[in-house]
Amino acid sequence: MDGRRVWVSVDGEPRPGTVVERTYTPKKGSELLAVELDEPADGTEAVVVNPAVDDMLFED
């Protein structure tokens, strides 16, 4: 999963980035992905998303 290209929503705007880490929540084991954005958005260089809940799109 690391290195995979994705589009994530940051403040309602689609932003391209790269998955740099994959972890799971301690209690429920929900998958979390750390995504490094190609271009910072309002000072945000990376975001953590839950692919089951958050808006995101994997590139082929």
PDB file of N, CA and C in Angstrom:
ATOM      1  N   MET A   1       0.824  -1.184   0.000  1.00  0.00           N
ATOM      2  CA  MET A   1       0.000   0.000   0.000  1.00  0.00           C
ATOM      3  C   MET A   1       0.874   1.255   0.000  1.00  0.00           C
ATOM      4  N   ASP A   2       2.027   1.214   0.683  1.00  0.00           N
ATOM      5  CA  ASP A   2       2.912   2.377   0.688  1.00  0.00           C
ATOM      6  C   ASP A   2       3.336   2.702  -0.738  1.00  0.00           C
ATOM      7  N   GLY A   3       3.360   3.983  -1.049  1.00  0.00           N
ATOM      8  CA  GLY A   3       3.761   4.426  -2.373  1.00  0.00           C
ATOM      9  C   GLY A   3       2.608   4.527  -3.354  1.00  0.00           C
ATOM     10  N   ARG A   4       1.439   4.064  -2.961  1.00  0.00           N
ATOM     11  CA  ARG A   4       0.288   4.097  -3.862  1.00  0.00           C
ATOM     12  C   ARG A   4      -0.215   5.533  -4.001  1.00  0.00           C
ATOM     13  N   ARG A   5      -0.575   5.912  -5.215  1.00  0.00           N
ATOM     14  CA  ARG A   5      -1.068   7.257  -5.502  1.00  0.00           C
ATOM     15  C   ARG A   5      -2.559   7.344  -5.199  1.00  0.00           C
ATOM     16  N   VAL A   6      -2.960   8.438  -4.549  1.00  0.00           N
ATOM     17  CA  VAL A   6      -4.362   8.637  -4.183  1.00  0.00           C
ATOM     18  C   VAL A   6      -4.755  10.104  -4.346  1.00  0.00           C
ATOM     19  N   TRP A   7      -6.052  10.321  -4.386  1.00  0.00           N
ATOM     20  CA  TRP A   7      -6.635  11.655  -4.294  1.00  0.00           C
ATOM     21  C   TRP A   7      -7.435  11.683  -3.010  1.00  0.00           C
ATOM     22  N   VAL A   8      -7.226  12.704  -2.190  1.00  0.00           N
ATOM     23  CA  VAL A   8      -7.955  12.840  -0.928  1.00  0.00           C
ATOM     24  C   VAL A   8      -8.622  14.214  -0.882  1.00  0.00           C
ATOM     25  N   SER A   9      -9.632  14.338  -0.052  1.00  0.00           N
ATOM     26  CA  SER A   9     -10.329  15.607   0.122  1.00  0.00           C
ATOM     27  C   SER A   9      -9.712  16.366   1.293  1.00  0.00           C
ATOM     28  N   VAL A  10      -9.281  17.600   1.024  1.00  0.00           N
ATOM     29  CA  VAL A  10      -8.748  18.482   2.066  1.00  0.00           C
ATOM     30  C   VAL A  10      -9.575  19.764   2.016  1.00  0.00           C
ATOM     31  N   ASP A  11     -10.333  20.009   3.064  1.00  0.00           N
ATOM     32  CA  ASP A  11     -11.244  21.163   3.111  1.00  0.00           C
ATOM     33  C   ASP A  11     -12.182  21.184   1.906  1.00  0.00           C
ATOM     34  N   GLY A  12     -12.635  19.995   1.493  1.00  0.00           N
ATOM     35  CA  GLY A  12     -13.588  19.884   0.394  1.00  0.00           C
ATOM     36  C   GLY A  12     -12.980  19.935  -0.992  1.00  0.00           C
ATOM     37  N   GLU A  13     -11.670  20.085  -1.080  1.00  0.00           N
ATOM     38  CA  GLU A  13     -10.981  20.153  -2.370  1.00  0.00           C
ATOM     39  C   GLU A  13     -10.187  18.874  -2.608  1.00  0.00           C
ATOM     40  N   PRO A  14     -10.252  18.303  -3.824  1.00  0.00           N
ATOM     41  CA  PRO A  14      -9.458  17.104  -4.112  1.00  0.00           C
ATOM     42  C   PRO A  14      -7.974  17.444  -4.220  1.00  0.00           C
ATOM     43  N   ARG A  15      -7.141  16.641  -3.565  1.00  0.00           N
ATOM     44  CA  ARG A  15      -5.687  16.859  -3.573  1.00  0.00           C
ATOM     45  C   ARG A  15      -4.981  15.538  -3.854  1.00  0.00           C
ATOM     46  N   PRO A  16      -4.019  15.525  -4.791  1.00  0.00           N
ATOM     47  CA  PRO A  16      -3.254  14.306  -5.045  1.00  0.00           C
ATOM     48  C   PRO A  16      -2.167  14.116  -3.999  1.00  0.00           C
ATOM     49  N   GLY A  17      -1.832  12.850  -3.752  1.00  0.00           N
ATOM     50  CA  GLY A  17      -0.779  12.546  -2.793  1.00  0.00           C
ATOM     51  C   GLY A  17      -0.330  11.102  -2.893  1.00  0.00           C
ATOM     52  N   THR A  18       0.533  10.715  -1.972  1.00  0.00           N
ATOM     53  CA  THR A  18       1.108   9.374  -1.943  1.00  0.00           C
ATOM     54  C   THR A  18       0.950   8.783  -0.550  1.00  0.00           C
ATOM     55  N   VAL A  19       0.507   7.528  -0.491  1.00  0.00           N
ATOM     56  CA  VAL A  19       0.392   6.838   0.793  1.00  0.00           C
ATOM     57  C   VAL A  19       1.801   6.567   1.308  1.00  0.00           C
ATOM     58  N   VAL A  20       2.084   7.016   2.533  1.00  0.00           N
ATOM     59  CA  VAL A  20       3.414   6.829   3.112  1.00  0.00           C
ATOM     60  C   VAL A  20       3.403   5.878   4.302  1.00  0.00           C
ATOM     61  N   GLU A  21       2.215   5.596   4.839  1.00  0.00           N
ATOM     62  CA  GLU A  21       2.137   4.674   5.979  1.00  0.00           C
ATOM     63  C   GLU A  21       0.725   4.121   6.091  1.00  0.00           C
ATOM     64  N   ARG A  22       0.633   2.871   6.547  1.00  0.00           N
ATOM     65  CA  ARG A  22      -0.654   2.206   6.770  1.00  0.00           C
ATOM     66  C   ARG A  22      -0.665   1.680   8.199  1.00  0.00           C
ATOM     67  N   THR A  23      -1.666   2.088   8.974  1.00  0.00           N
ATOM     68  CA  THR A  23      -1.793   1.634  10.354  1.00  0.00           C
ATOM     69  C   THR A  23      -3.247   1.272  10.622  1.00  0.00           C
ATOM     70  N   TYR A  24      -3.500   0.807  11.840  1.00  0.00           N
ATOM     71  CA  TYR A  24      -4.852   0.424  12.239  1.00  0.00           C
ATOM     72  C   TYR A  24      -5.150   1.012  13.610  1.00  0.00           C
ATOM     73  N   THR A  25      -6.420   1.368  13.848  1.00  0.00           N
ATOM     74  CA  THR A  25      -6.801   1.898  15.158  1.00  0.00           C
ATOM     75  C   THR A  25      -6.727   0.782  16.181  1.00  0.00           C
ATOM     76  N   PRO A  26      -6.354   1.095  17.434  1.00  0.00           N
ATOM     77  CA  PRO A  26      -6.173   0.059  18.454  1.00  0.00           C
ATOM     78  C   PRO A  26      -7.460  -0.683  18.832  1.00  0.00           C
ATOM     79  N   LYS A  27      -8.560   0.023  18.981  1.00  0.00           N
ATOM     80  CA  LYS A  27      -9.773  -0.623  19.481  1.00  0.00           C
ATOM     81  C   LYS A  27     -10.509  -1.444  18.427  1.00  0.00           C
ATOM     82  N   LYS A  28     -10.784  -0.847  17.282  1.00  0.00           N
ATOM     83  CA  LYS A  28     -11.616  -1.523  16.280  1.00  0.00           C
ATOM     84  C   LYS A  28     -10.829  -2.073  15.098  1.00  0.00           C
ATOM     85  N   GLY A  29      -9.573  -1.717  14.998  1.00  0.00           N
ATOM     86  CA  GLY A  29      -8.762  -2.212  13.896  1.00  0.00           C
ATOM     87  C   GLY A  29      -9.082  -1.567  12.559  1.00  0.00           C
ATOM     88  N   SER A  30      -9.668  -0.369  12.585  1.00  0.00           N
ATOM     89  CA  SER A  30      -9.977   0.343  11.345  1.00  0.00           C
ATOM     90  C   SER A  30      -8.684   0.773  10.661  1.00  0.00           C
ATOM     91  N   GLU A  31      -8.642   0.612   9.354  1.00  0.00           N
ATOM     92  CA  GLU A  31      -7.465   0.979   8.581  1.00  0.00           C
ATOM     93  C   GLU A  31      -7.332   2.499   8.493  1.00  0.00           C
ATOM     94  N   LEU A  32      -6.114   2.991   8.673  1.00  0.00           N
ATOM     95  CA  LEU A  32      -5.789   4.402   8.512  1.00  0.00           C
ATOM     96  C   LEU A  32      -4.611   4.521   7.555  1.00  0.00           C
ATOM     97  N   LEU A  33      -4.669   5.503   6.670  1.00  0.00           N
ATOM     98  CA  LEU A  33      -3.588   5.736   5.724  1.00  0.00           C
ATOM     99  C   LEU A  33      -3.038   7.143   5.903  1.00  0.00           C
ATOM    100  N   ALA A  34      -1.732   7.255   6.052  1.00  0.00           N
ATOM    101  CA  ALA A  34      -1.072   8.559   6.080  1.00  0.00           C
ATOM    102  C   ALA A  34      -0.726   8.913   4.638  1.00  0.00           C
ATOM    103  N   VAL A  35      -1.200  10.071   4.198  1.00  0.00           N
ATOM    104  CA  VAL A  35      -1.005  10.503   2.813  1.00  0.00           C
ATOM    105  C   VAL A  35      -0.212  11.800   2.803  1.00  0.00           C
ATOM    106  N   GLU A  36       0.921  11.773   2.104  1.00  0.00           N
ATOM    107  CA  GLU A  36       1.730  12.977   1.918  1.00  0.00           C
ATOM    108  C   GLU A  36       1.226  13.671   0.656  1.00  0.00           C
ATOM    109  N   LEU A  37       0.801  14.917   0.798  1.00  0.00           N
ATOM    110  CA  LEU A  37       0.248  15.660  -0.329  1.00  0.00           C
ATOM    111  C   LEU A  37       1.347  16.133  -1.274  1.00  0.00           C
ATOM    112  N   ASP A  38       1.032  16.159  -2.579  1.00  0.00           N
ATOM    113  CA  ASP A  38       1.996  16.649  -3.562  1.00  0.00           C
ATOM    114  C   ASP A  38       2.312  18.124  -3.328  1.00  0.00           C
ATOM    115  N   GLU A  39       1.277  18.910  -3.037  1.00  0.00           N
ATOM    116  CA  GLU A  39       1.444  20.326  -2.739  1.00  0.00           C
ATOM    117  C   GLU A  39       0.715  20.622  -1.435  1.00  0.00           C
ATOM    118  N   PRO A  40       1.378  21.254  -0.476  1.00  0.00           N
ATOM    119  CA  PRO A  40       0.707  21.567   0.795  1.00  0.00           C
ATOM    120  C   PRO A  40      -0.561  22.396   0.564  1.00  0.00           C
ATOM    121  N   ALA A  41      -1.573  22.122   1.378  1.00  0.00           N
ATOM    122  CA  ALA A  41      -2.838  22.859   1.308  1.00  0.00           C
ATOM    123  C   ALA A  41      -3.002  23.636   2.606  1.00  0.00           C
ATOM    124  N   ASP A  42      -2.891  24.952   2.525  1.00  0.00           N
ATOM    125  CA  ASP A  42      -3.016  25.808   3.715  1.00  0.00           C
ATOM    126  C   ASP A  42      -2.100  25.354   4.841  1.00  0.00           C
ATOM    127  N   GLY A  43      -0.854  25.021   4.499  1.00  0.00           N
ATOM    128  CA  GLY A  43       0.125  24.610   5.496  1.00  0.00           C
ATOM    129  C   GLY A  43       0.073  23.142   5.870  1.00  0.00           C
ATOM    130  N   THR A  44      -0.882  22.401   5.324  1.00  0.00           N
ATOM    131  CA  THR A  44      -1.006  20.971   5.618  1.00  0.00           C
ATOM    132  C   THR A  44      -0.217  20.182   4.585  1.00  0.00           C
ATOM    133  N   GLU A  45       0.809  19.447   5.047  1.00  0.00           N
ATOM    134  CA  GLU A  45       1.651  18.678   4.139  1.00  0.00           C
ATOM    135  C   GLU A  45       1.231  17.222   4.038  1.00  0.00           C
ATOM    136  N   ALA A  46       0.521  16.727   5.071  1.00  0.00           N
ATOM    137  CA  ALA A  46       0.094  15.327   5.089  1.00  0.00           C
ATOM    138  C   ALA A  46      -1.221  15.220   5.855  1.00  0.00           C
ATOM    139  N   VAL A  47      -2.003  14.191   5.513  1.00  0.00           N
ATOM    140  CA  VAL A  47      -3.269  13.931   6.203  1.00  0.00           C
ATOM    141  C   VAL A  47      -3.373  12.444   6.500  1.00  0.00           C
ATOM    142  N   VAL A  48      -4.193  12.108   7.484  1.00  0.00           N
ATOM    143  CA  VAL A  48      -4.491  10.712   7.791  1.00  0.00           C
ATOM    144  C   VAL A  48      -5.952  10.490   7.443  1.00  0.00           C
ATOM    145  N   VAL A  49      -6.221   9.460   6.639  1.00  0.00           N
ATOM    146  CA  VAL A  49      -7.588   9.182   6.204  1.00  0.00           C
ATOM    147  C   VAL A  49      -7.979   7.752   6.533  1.00  0.00           C
ATOM    148  N   ASN A  50      -9.266   7.553   6.724  1.00  0.00           N
ATOM    149  CA  ASN A  50      -9.848   6.227   6.890  1.00  0.00           C
ATOM    150  C   ASN A  50     -10.551   5.925   5.574  1.00  0.00           C
ATOM    151  N   PRO A  51     -10.018   5.006   4.748  1.00  0.00           N
ATOM    152  CA  PRO A  51     -10.596   4.763   3.428  1.00  0.00           C
ATOM    153  C   PRO A  51     -12.039   4.264   3.464  1.00  0.00           C
ATOM    154  N   ALA A  52     -12.478   3.715   4.591  1.00  0.00           N
ATOM    155  CA  ALA A  52     -13.855   3.236   4.699  1.00  0.00           C
ATOM    156  C   ALA A  52     -14.832   4.389   4.931  1.00  0.00           C
ATOM    157  N   VAL A  53     -14.335   5.544   5.369  1.00  0.00           N
ATOM    158  CA  VAL A  53     -15.212   6.657   5.742  1.00  0.00           C
ATOM    159  C   VAL A  53     -14.915   7.924   4.937  1.00  0.00           C
ATOM    160  N   ASP A  54     -13.647   8.252   4.761  1.00  0.00           N
ATOM    161  CA  ASP A  54     -13.254   9.515   4.135  1.00  0.00           C
ATOM    162  C   ASP A  54     -13.284   9.426   2.613  1.00  0.00           C
ATOM    163  N   ASP A  55     -13.515  10.592   1.976  1.00  0.00           N
ATOM    164  CA  ASP A  55     -13.496  10.666   0.520  1.00  0.00           C
ATOM    165  C   ASP A  55     -12.066  10.523   0.026  1.00  0.00           C
ATOM    166  N   MET A  56     -11.836   9.497  -0.782  1.00  0.00           N
ATOM    167  CA  MET A  56     -10.524   9.302  -1.394  1.00  0.00           C
ATOM    168  C   MET A  56     -10.672   8.418  -2.614  1.00  0.00           C
ATOM    169  N   LEU A  57      -9.720   8.506  -3.520  1.00  0.00           N
ATOM    170  CA  LEU A  57      -9.754   7.740  -4.754  1.00  0.00           C
ATOM    171  C   LEU A  57      -8.350   7.235  -5.042  1.00  0.00           C
ATOM    172  N   PHE A  58      -8.221   5.929  -5.263  1.00  0.00           N
ATOM    173  CA  PHE A  58      -6.931   5.352  -5.623  1.00  0.00           C
ATOM    174  C   PHE A  58      -6.716   5.498  -7.120  1.00  0.00           C
ATOM    175  N   GLU A  59      -5.513   5.886  -7.530  1.00  0.00           N
ATOM    176  CA  GLU A  59      -5.165   5.904  -8.948  1.00  0.00           C
ATOM    177  C   GLU A  59      -4.801   4.489  -9.361  1.00  0.00           C
ATOM    178  N   ASP A  60      -5.004   4.186 -10.628  1.00  0.00           N
ATOM    179  CA  ASP A  60      -4.666   2.837 -11.129  1.00  0.00           C
ATOM    180  C   ASP A  60      -3.188   2.624 -11.217  1.00  0.00           C
TER     181      ASP A  60
END
